Amino acid sequence: MALYMVSGKGGVGKTHLSLSLAKYLRGTGKKVLLVEFSSGAQYSDFFDLDVNFTNIEIEKDLFLASWTGLDCLQEYAGKVLGSKRLVKLFMSNQIMTNLMKVAPGLREIAVLGKLTSTFRSSGFKEEYTDIVFDAPSSGHFLSLLGVPFGLLSAVKSGPMASQCRSIIETLKNKKLSKIILVTLDKELSKNETKETSKKITSLIDFNPAIVLNKSLGAKQFEVQQSFPELKSSSWQDSAQELCVYWEKVLNE
């Protein structure tokens, strides 16, 4: 059981790699949820589906969803309050609306809370063995990871502090949390990835994996060695072929 978080500079191919990783994990007998952190635009186009907060089974034991911070916060409020009517009143309350504007970390902590809920005693669990998180690009991803640390420094006790500690423990557990940074074979991209890796390591105390995508066409990839060129031109088919690639990467 693991949470795989795939990030990198915008345009490096992390969405394609996230899908291929999810397909590989499903092929090993796992029940996998692939999550896009956005309004669902990319996966909606790729699969010609309306991808949203409700999980969609696109293949046997492979599910797809798109989360926003507001979606996760509303779901959490619903589970705590136990009433859709109360949630509507709570979320539309002017005080709450203003609070979310001045404390944007509330949305981020809701996302991290939902992502890690399967792996900790939170009371709210996703029914999947593995989750692949097609995370935001590197700068936004760093901000997302830093939220529980920042909140914990400000709030030392109470439910919020307990949740932040639990999330941080999960993120720092390298048996449960796997962070993968995708980069291109370009100096600017590689330098940014190295800096991002250092900042992530300072937060979670272990190095993320770095995957070098050698072409935007997803034809060849490299971790410590080069792999044969993929022949498929189809985005989905080549994602399936990359299962062989992920088997080698994850066994390094």
C-alpha atoms as a PDB file:
ATOM      1  CA  MET A   1       0.000   0.000   0.000  1.00  0.00           C
ATOM      2  CA  ALA A   2       1.454   3.353  -1.007  1.00  0.00           C
ATOM      3  CA  LEU A   3       0.732   6.926  -2.019  1.00  0.00           C
ATOM      4  CA  TYR A   4       2.669   7.954  -5.139  1.00  0.00           C
ATOM      5  CA  MET A   5       2.930  11.722  -5.708  1.00  0.00           C
ATOM      6  CA  VAL A   6       4.175  12.680  -9.184  1.00  0.00           C
ATOM      7  CA  SER A   7       5.302  16.269  -9.734  1.00  0.00           C
ATOM      8  CA  GLY A   8       7.732  18.322 -11.792  1.00  0.00           C
ATOM      9  CA  LYS A   9       8.051  21.518 -13.770  1.00  0.00           C
ATOM     10  CA  GLY A  10       5.046  22.218 -15.995  1.00  0.00           C
ATOM     11  CA  GLY A  11       5.169  20.468 -19.367  1.00  0.00           C
ATOM     12  CA  VAL A  12       7.570  17.646 -18.453  1.00  0.00           C
ATOM     13  CA  GLY A  13       5.052  14.831 -19.058  1.00  0.00           C
ATOM     14  CA  LYS A  14       4.072  14.044 -15.461  1.00  0.00           C
ATOM     15  CA  THR A  15       0.410  13.413 -16.372  1.00  0.00           C
ATOM     16  CA  HIS A  16       1.374  10.743 -18.898  1.00  0.00           C
ATOM     17  CA  LEU A  17       3.760   9.154 -16.429  1.00  0.00           C
ATOM     18  CA  SER A  18       1.131   9.239 -13.670  1.00  0.00           C
ATOM     19  CA  LEU A  19      -1.314   7.307 -15.847  1.00  0.00           C
ATOM     20  CA  SER A  20       1.327   4.767 -16.870  1.00  0.00           C
ATOM     21  CA  LEU A  21       2.310   4.267 -13.223  1.00  0.00           C
ATOM     22  CA  ALA A  22      -1.331   3.718 -12.250  1.00  0.00           C
ATOM     23  CA  LYS A  23      -1.702   1.159 -15.055  1.00  0.00           C
ATOM     24  CA  TYR A  24       1.444  -0.630 -13.931  1.00  0.00           C
ATOM     25  CA  LEU A  25       0.298  -0.827 -10.303  1.00  0.00           C
ATOM     26  CA  ARG A  26      -3.129  -2.094 -11.373  1.00  0.00           C
ATOM     27  CA  GLY A  27      -1.360  -4.769 -13.405  1.00  0.00           C
ATOM     28  CA  THR A  28       0.360  -6.034 -10.241  1.00  0.00           C
ATOM     29  CA  GLY A  29      -3.011  -6.782  -8.661  1.00  0.00           C
ATOM     30  CA  LYS A  30      -3.598  -3.467  -6.883  1.00  0.00           C
ATOM     31  CA  LYS A  31      -6.829  -1.491  -6.694  1.00  0.00           C
ATOM     32  CA  VAL A  32      -5.625   1.941  -7.798  1.00  0.00           C
ATOM     33  CA  LEU A  33      -7.017   5.457  -7.674  1.00  0.00           C
ATOM     34  CA  LEU A  34      -5.433   8.007 -10.038  1.00  0.00           C
ATOM     35  CA  VAL A  35      -6.117  11.555  -8.860  1.00  0.00           C
ATOM     36  CA  GLU A  36      -5.635  14.736 -10.839  1.00  0.00           C
ATOM     37  CA  PHE A  37      -5.345  17.903  -8.739  1.00  0.00           C
ATOM     38  CA  SER A  38      -7.295  20.311 -10.931  1.00  0.00           C
ATOM     39  CA  SER A  39     -10.687  20.788 -12.533  1.00  0.00           C
ATOM     40  CA  GLY A  40     -10.204  17.578 -14.539  1.00  0.00           C
ATOM     41  CA  ALA A  41      -9.417  19.203 -17.873  1.00  0.00           C
ATOM     42  CA  GLN A  42      -6.579  16.904 -18.976  1.00  0.00           C
ATOM     43  CA  TYR A  43      -8.047  13.519 -18.131  1.00  0.00           C
ATOM     44  CA  SER A  44     -11.490  14.601 -19.331  1.00  0.00           C
ATOM     45  CA  ASP A  45      -9.948  15.259 -22.755  1.00  0.00           C
ATOM     46  CA  PHE A  46      -7.791  12.118 -22.796  1.00  0.00           C
ATOM     47  CA  PHE A  47     -10.646   9.762 -21.911  1.00  0.00           C
ATOM     48  CA  ASP A  48     -13.545  11.775 -23.346  1.00  0.00           C
ATOM     49  CA  LEU A  49     -15.193  11.644 -19.926  1.00  0.00           C
ATOM     50  CA  ASP A  50     -16.512  14.133 -17.419  1.00  0.00           C
ATOM     51  CA  VAL A  51     -13.835  13.554 -14.779  1.00  0.00           C
ATOM     52  CA  ASN A  52     -14.777  15.117 -11.447  1.00  0.00           C
ATOM     53  CA  PHE A  53     -14.720  14.518  -7.698  1.00  0.00           C
ATOM     54  CA  THR A  54     -16.696  11.276  -8.031  1.00  0.00           C
ATOM     55  CA  ASN A  55     -14.388   8.320  -8.782  1.00  0.00           C
ATOM     56  CA  ILE A  56     -14.847   6.736 -12.220  1.00  0.00           C
ATOM     57  CA  GLU A  57     -13.722   3.166 -12.966  1.00  0.00           C
ATOM     58  CA  ILE A  58     -11.969   3.449 -16.352  1.00  0.00           C
ATOM     59  CA  GLU A  59     -10.628  -0.114 -16.306  1.00  0.00           C
ATOM     60  CA  LYS A  60     -11.076  -2.971 -13.858  1.00  0.00           C
ATOM     61  CA  ASP A  61      -9.615  -1.855 -10.500  1.00  0.00           C
ATOM     62  CA  LEU A  62      -8.346   1.415 -11.984  1.00  0.00           C
ATOM     63  CA  PHE A  63     -10.281   4.502 -10.905  1.00  0.00           C
ATOM     64  CA  LEU A  64      -9.945   8.119 -11.933  1.00  0.00           C
ATOM     65  CA  ALA A  65     -10.930  11.335 -10.138  1.00  0.00           C
ATOM     66  CA  SER A  66     -10.227  15.052 -10.155  1.00  0.00           C
ATOM     67  CA  TRP A  67      -9.986  16.945  -6.865  1.00  0.00           C
ATOM     68  CA  THR A  68      -9.925  20.593  -5.943  1.00  0.00           C
ATOM     69  CA  GLY A  69      -9.207  21.954  -2.489  1.00  0.00           C
ATOM     70  CA  LEU A  70     -12.792  23.168  -2.156  1.00  0.00           C
ATOM     71  CA  ASP A  71     -14.168  19.713  -3.066  1.00  0.00           C
ATOM     72  CA  CYS A  72     -12.063  18.073  -0.361  1.00  0.00           C
ATOM     73  CA  LEU A  73     -12.971  20.699   2.226  1.00  0.00           C
ATOM     74  CA  GLN A  74     -16.687  20.305   1.494  1.00  0.00           C
ATOM     75  CA  GLU A  75     -16.450  16.524   1.761  1.00  0.00           C
ATOM     76  CA  TYR A  76     -14.628  16.761   5.085  1.00  0.00           C
ATOM     77  CA  ALA A  77     -17.222  19.199   6.409  1.00  0.00           C
ATOM     78  CA  GLY A  78     -19.961  16.807   5.278  1.00  0.00           C
ATOM     79  CA  LYS A  79     -18.459  13.874   7.147  1.00  0.00           C
ATOM     80  CA  VAL A  80     -18.027  15.940  10.296  1.00  0.00           C
ATOM     81  CA  LEU A  81     -21.403  17.691  10.186  1.00  0.00           C
ATOM     82  CA  GLY A  82     -23.347  14.729   8.791  1.00  0.00           C
ATOM     83  CA  SER A  83     -25.806  16.853   6.807  1.00  0.00           C
ATOM     84  CA  LYS A  84     -25.691  18.287   3.283  1.00  0.00           C
ATOM     85  CA  ARG A  85     -27.884  21.161   4.419  1.00  0.00           C
ATOM     86  CA  LEU A  86     -25.492  22.037   7.229  1.00  0.00           C
ATOM     87  CA  VAL A  87     -22.543  21.825   4.849  1.00  0.00           C
ATOM     88  CA  LYS A  88     -24.252  24.221   2.436  1.00  0.00           C
ATOM     89  CA  LEU A  89     -24.915  26.669   5.272  1.00  0.00           C
ATOM     90  CA  PHE A  90     -21.377  26.228   6.617  1.00  0.00           C
ATOM     91  CA  MET A  91     -19.624  26.730   3.281  1.00  0.00           C
ATOM     92  CA  SER A  92     -21.794  29.679   2.236  1.00  0.00           C
ATOM     93  CA  ASN A  93     -21.426  31.425   5.586  1.00  0.00           C
ATOM     94  CA  GLN A  94     -19.689  34.778   5.078  1.00  0.00           C
ATOM     95  CA  ILE A  95     -17.323  34.187   7.980  1.00  0.00           C
ATOM     96  CA  MET A  96     -16.248  30.839   6.499  1.00  0.00           C
ATOM     97  CA  THR A  97     -15.902  32.388   3.029  1.00  0.00           C
ATOM     98  CA  ASN A  98     -13.659  35.133   4.407  1.00  0.00           C
ATOM     99  CA  LEU A  99     -11.676  32.611   6.451  1.00  0.00           C
ATOM    100  CA  MET A 100     -10.894  30.535   3.342  1.00  0.00           C
ATOM    101  CA  LYS A 101      -9.645  33.674   1.598  1.00  0.00           C
ATOM    102  CA  VAL A 102      -7.247  34.659   4.376  1.00  0.00           C
ATOM    103  CA  ALA A 103      -6.294  31.076   5.270  1.00  0.00           C
ATOM    104  CA  PRO A 104      -5.822  29.261   1.915  1.00  0.00           C
ATOM    105  CA  GLY A 105      -4.031  26.463   3.774  1.00  0.00           C
ATOM    106  CA  LEU A 106      -7.439  25.093   4.747  1.00  0.00           C
ATOM    107  CA  ARG A 107      -8.012  23.816   1.208  1.00  0.00           C
ATOM    108  CA  GLU A 108      -4.526  22.358   0.925  1.00  0.00           C
ATOM    109  CA  ILE A 109      -4.731  20.568   4.264  1.00  0.00           C
ATOM    110  CA  ALA A 110      -8.087  19.117   3.174  1.00  0.00           C
ATOM    111  CA  VAL A 111      -6.434  17.694   0.024  1.00  0.00           C
ATOM    112  CA  LEU A 112      -3.501  16.218   1.955  1.00  0.00           C
ATOM    113  CA  GLY A 113      -5.889  14.883   4.585  1.00  0.00           C
ATOM    114  CA  LYS A 114      -7.941  13.064   1.954  1.00  0.00           C
ATOM    115  CA  LEU A 115      -4.839  11.778   0.128  1.00  0.00           C
ATOM    116  CA  THR A 116      -3.330  10.299   3.297  1.00  0.00           C
ATOM    117  CA  SER A 117      -6.557   9.145   4.954  1.00  0.00           C
ATOM    118  CA  THR A 118      -6.157   5.565   3.704  1.00  0.00           C
ATOM    119  CA  PHE A 119      -2.747   5.301   5.364  1.00  0.00           C
ATOM    120  CA  ARG A 120      -3.500   6.734   8.800  1.00  0.00           C
ATOM    121  CA  SER A 121      -6.116   6.505  11.531  1.00  0.00           C
ATOM    122  CA  SER A 122      -8.163   9.460  10.358  1.00  0.00           C
ATOM    123  CA  GLY A 123     -11.610   7.891  10.411  1.00  0.00           C
ATOM    124  CA  PHE A 124     -12.043   8.683   6.690  1.00  0.00           C
ATOM    125  CA  LYS A 125     -10.577   6.104   4.324  1.00  0.00           C
ATOM    126  CA  GLU A 126     -10.354   5.720   0.560  1.00  0.00           C
ATOM    127  CA  GLU A 127     -10.964   2.079  -0.379  1.00  0.00           C
ATOM    128  CA  TYR A 128      -7.857   1.632  -2.533  1.00  0.00           C
ATOM    129  CA  THR A 129      -4.571  -0.171  -2.027  1.00  0.00           C
ATOM    130  CA  ASP A 130      -2.564   2.452  -3.925  1.00  0.00           C
ATOM    131  CA  ILE A 131      -3.172   6.086  -4.845  1.00  0.00           C
ATOM    132  CA  VAL A 132      -1.308   7.883  -7.643  1.00  0.00           C
ATOM    133  CA  PHE A 133      -1.512  11.655  -7.240  1.00  0.00           C
ATOM    134  CA  ASP A 134      -0.903  13.638 -10.429  1.00  0.00           C
ATOM    135  CA  ALA A 135       0.295  16.526  -8.298  1.00  0.00           C
ATOM    136  CA  PRO A 136       0.604  20.232  -9.153  1.00  0.00           C
ATOM    137  CA  SER A 137       3.797  21.512 -10.763  1.00  0.00           C
ATOM    138  CA  SER A 138       6.848  21.780  -8.522  1.00  0.00           C
ATOM    139  CA  GLY A 139       6.329  25.244  -6.996  1.00  0.00           C
ATOM    140  CA  HIS A 140       2.687  24.633  -6.109  1.00  0.00           C
ATOM    141  CA  PHE A 141       3.535  21.111  -4.934  1.00  0.00           C
ATOM    142  CA  LEU A 142       6.152  22.459  -2.511  1.00  0.00           C
ATOM    143  CA  SER A 143       3.567  24.873  -1.118  1.00  0.00           C
ATOM    144  CA  LEU A 144       1.081  22.017  -0.743  1.00  0.00           C
ATOM    145  CA  LEU A 145       3.576  19.820   1.138  1.00  0.00           C
ATOM    146  CA  GLY A 146       4.574  22.695   3.395  1.00  0.00           C
ATOM    147  CA  VAL A 147       1.053  23.467   4.635  1.00  0.00           C
ATOM    148  CA  PRO A 148       0.842  20.931   7.522  1.00  0.00           C
ATOM    149  CA  PHE A 149       4.292  22.000   8.756  1.00  0.00           C
ATOM    150  CA  GLY A 150       3.272  25.668   8.671  1.00  0.00           C
ATOM    151  CA  LEU A 151      -0.070  25.080  10.388  1.00  0.00           C
ATOM    152  CA  LEU A 152       1.554  22.950  13.085  1.00  0.00           C
ATOM    153  CA  SER A 153       4.013  25.729  13.882  1.00  0.00           C
ATOM    154  CA  ALA A 154       1.049  28.072  14.400  1.00  0.00           C
ATOM    155  CA  VAL A 155      -1.392  25.675  16.090  1.00  0.00           C
ATOM    156  CA  LYS A 156       0.237  23.527  18.777  1.00  0.00           C
ATOM    157  CA  SER A 157      -2.783  21.634  20.134  1.00  0.00           C
ATOM    158  CA  GLY A 158      -6.317  20.550  19.300  1.00  0.00           C
ATOM    159  CA  PRO A 159      -7.809  18.612  16.324  1.00  0.00           C
ATOM    160  CA  MET A 160      -5.993  20.668  13.674  1.00  0.00           C
ATOM    161  CA  ALA A 161      -2.610  20.035  15.284  1.00  0.00           C
ATOM    162  CA  SER A 162      -3.372  16.310  15.621  1.00  0.00           C
ATOM    163  CA  GLN A 163      -4.371  16.051  11.963  1.00  0.00           C
ATOM    164  CA  CYS A 164      -1.242  17.934  10.846  1.00  0.00           C
ATOM    165  CA  ARG A 165       1.006  15.639  12.897  1.00  0.00           C
ATOM    166  CA  SER A 166      -0.707  12.577  11.450  1.00  0.00           C
ATOM    167  CA  ILE A 167      -0.330  13.869   7.882  1.00  0.00           C
ATOM    168  CA  ILE A 168       3.331  14.752   8.443  1.00  0.00           C
ATOM    169  CA  GLU A 169       4.058  11.293   9.878  1.00  0.00           C
ATOM    170  CA  THR A 170       2.535   9.722   6.766  1.00  0.00           C
ATOM    171  CA  LEU A 171       4.458  11.995   4.385  1.00  0.00           C
ATOM    172  CA  LYS A 172       7.720  11.178   6.192  1.00  0.00           C
ATOM    173  CA  ASN A 173       7.083   7.429   6.089  1.00  0.00           C
ATOM    174  CA  LYS A 174       8.980   6.396   2.957  1.00  0.00           C
ATOM    175  CA  LYS A 175       7.319   2.972   2.994  1.00  0.00           C
ATOM    176  CA  LEU A 176       3.963   4.676   2.459  1.00  0.00           C
ATOM    177  CA  SER A 177       4.768   7.919   0.632  1.00  0.00           C
ATOM    178  CA  LYS A 178       6.652   7.889  -2.673  1.00  0.00           C
ATOM    179  CA  ILE A 179       7.488  11.217  -4.292  1.00  0.00           C
ATOM    180  CA  ILE A 180       8.553  11.146  -7.952  1.00  0.00           C
ATOM    181  CA  LEU A 181       9.866  14.250  -9.723  1.00  0.00           C
ATOM    182  CA  VAL A 182       9.761  14.194 -13.513  1.00  0.00           C
ATOM    183  CA  THR A 183      12.280  16.254 -15.462  1.00  0.00           C
ATOM    184  CA  LEU A 184      13.414  16.773 -19.043  1.00  0.00           C
ATOM    185  CA  ASP A 185      16.927  16.395 -20.414  1.00  0.00           C
ATOM    186  CA  LYS A 186      17.369  20.175 -20.393  1.00  0.00           C
ATOM    187  CA  GLU A 187      19.630  22.142 -18.096  1.00  0.00           C
ATOM    188  CA  LEU A 188      16.914  24.495 -16.825  1.00  0.00           C
ATOM    189  CA  SER A 189      14.519  21.641 -16.064  1.00  0.00           C
ATOM    190  CA  LYS A 190      17.181  19.510 -14.370  1.00  0.00           C
ATOM    191  CA  ASN A 191      18.426  22.411 -12.229  1.00  0.00           C
ATOM    192  CA  GLU A 192      14.898  23.250 -11.072  1.00  0.00           C
ATOM    193  CA  THR A 193      14.283  19.587 -10.267  1.00  0.00           C
ATOM    194  CA  LYS A 194      17.452  19.403  -8.169  1.00  0.00           C
ATOM    195  CA  GLU A 195      16.408  22.487  -6.193  1.00  0.00           C
ATOM    196  CA  THR A 196      12.894  21.118  -5.727  1.00  0.00           C
ATOM    197  CA  SER A 197      14.332  17.800  -4.574  1.00  0.00           C
ATOM    198  CA  LYS A 198      16.487  19.526  -1.946  1.00  0.00           C
ATOM    199  CA  LYS A 199      13.518  21.476  -0.579  1.00  0.00           C
ATOM    200  CA  ILE A 200      11.339  18.349  -0.417  1.00  0.00           C
ATOM    201  CA  THR A 201      14.121  16.444   1.349  1.00  0.00           C
ATOM    202  CA  SER A 202      14.393  19.207   3.961  1.00  0.00           C
ATOM    203  CA  LEU A 203      10.684  18.738   4.711  1.00  0.00           C
ATOM    204  CA  ILE A 204      10.258  14.949   4.697  1.00  0.00           C
ATOM    205  CA  ASP A 205      13.812  13.756   5.455  1.00  0.00           C
ATOM    206  CA  PHE A 206      14.275  11.498   2.408  1.00  0.00           C
ATOM    207  CA  ASN A 207      15.115  12.075  -1.241  1.00  0.00           C
ATOM    208  CA  PRO A 208      12.353  11.895  -3.864  1.00  0.00           C
ATOM    209  CA  ALA A 209      12.959   9.738  -6.933  1.00  0.00           C
ATOM    210  CA  ILE A 210      13.917  11.691 -10.056  1.00  0.00           C
ATOM    211  CA  VAL A 211      12.778  10.375 -13.433  1.00  0.00           C
ATOM    212  CA  LEU A 212      14.295  11.801 -16.598  1.00  0.00           C
ATOM    213  CA  ASN A 213      11.777  11.950 -19.444  1.00  0.00           C
ATOM    214  CA  LYS A 214      13.953  11.976 -22.539  1.00  0.00           C
ATOM    215  CA  SER A 215      11.224  13.095 -24.923  1.00  0.00           C
ATOM    216  CA  LEU A 216       7.861  14.791 -24.670  1.00  0.00           C
ATOM    217  CA  GLY A 217       6.499  12.077 -26.982  1.00  0.00           C
ATOM    218  CA  ALA A 218       7.030   9.533 -24.210  1.00  0.00           C
ATOM    219  CA  LYS A 219       9.315   7.477 -26.470  1.00  0.00           C
ATOM    220  CA  GLN A 220      12.236   6.942 -24.157  1.00  0.00           C
ATOM    221  CA  PHE A 221      12.897   7.327 -20.462  1.00  0.00           C
ATOM    222  CA  GLU A 222      15.866   6.950 -18.213  1.00  0.00           C
ATOM    223  CA  VAL A 223      16.539   6.498 -14.491  1.00  0.00           C
ATOM    224  CA  GLN A 224      20.019   4.987 -14.304  1.00  0.00           C
ATOM    225  CA  GLN A 225      20.009   3.505 -17.774  1.00  0.00           C
ATOM    226  CA  SER A 226      18.194   3.953 -21.095  1.00  0.00           C
ATOM    227  CA  PHE A 227      15.237   1.797 -22.068  1.00  0.00           C
ATOM    228  CA  PRO A 228      14.122   0.703 -25.567  1.00  0.00           C
ATOM    229  CA  GLU A 229      12.124   3.175 -27.597  1.00  0.00           C
ATOM    230  CA  LEU A 230       8.364   2.740 -27.352  1.00  0.00           C
ATOM    231  CA  LYS A 231       6.665   2.098 -30.672  1.00  0.00           C
ATOM    232  CA  SER A 232       3.094   3.153 -29.897  1.00  0.00           C
ATOM    233  CA  SER A 233       1.930   6.604 -30.942  1.00  0.00           C
ATOM    234  CA  SER A 234      -1.295   6.441 -28.923  1.00  0.00           C
ATOM    235  CA  TRP A 235      -1.163   8.288 -25.604  1.00  0.00           C
ATOM    236  CA  GLN A 236      -3.121   5.574 -23.786  1.00  0.00           C
ATOM    237  CA  ASP A 237      -1.373   2.656 -25.516  1.00  0.00           C
ATOM    238  CA  SER A 238       2.080   4.030 -24.785  1.00  0.00           C
ATOM    239  CA  ALA A 239       1.033   4.521 -21.160  1.00  0.00           C
ATOM    240  CA  GLN A 240       0.244   0.804 -21.080  1.00  0.00           C
ATOM    241  CA  GLU A 241       3.616  -0.068 -22.633  1.00  0.00           C
ATOM    242  CA  LEU A 242       5.384   1.992 -19.976  1.00  0.00           C
ATOM    243  CA  CYS A 243       4.355  -0.632 -17.398  1.00  0.00           C
ATOM    244  CA  VAL A 244       7.628  -2.401 -18.225  1.00  0.00           C
ATOM    245  CA  TYR A 245       9.456   0.853 -17.515  1.00  0.00           C
ATOM    246  CA  TRP A 246       7.825   1.304 -14.115  1.00  0.00           C
ATOM    247  CA  GLU A 247       8.647  -2.268 -13.124  1.00  0.00           C
ATOM    248  CA  LYS A 248      12.332  -1.431 -13.618  1.00  0.00           C
ATOM    249  CA  VAL A 249      12.065   1.988 -11.916  1.00  0.00           C
ATOM    250  CA  LEU A 250      10.301   0.747  -8.785  1.00  0.00           C
ATOM    251  CA  ASN A 251      12.715  -2.142  -8.370  1.00  0.00           C
ATOM    252  CA  GLU A 252      15.807   0.101  -8.486  1.00  0.00           C
END
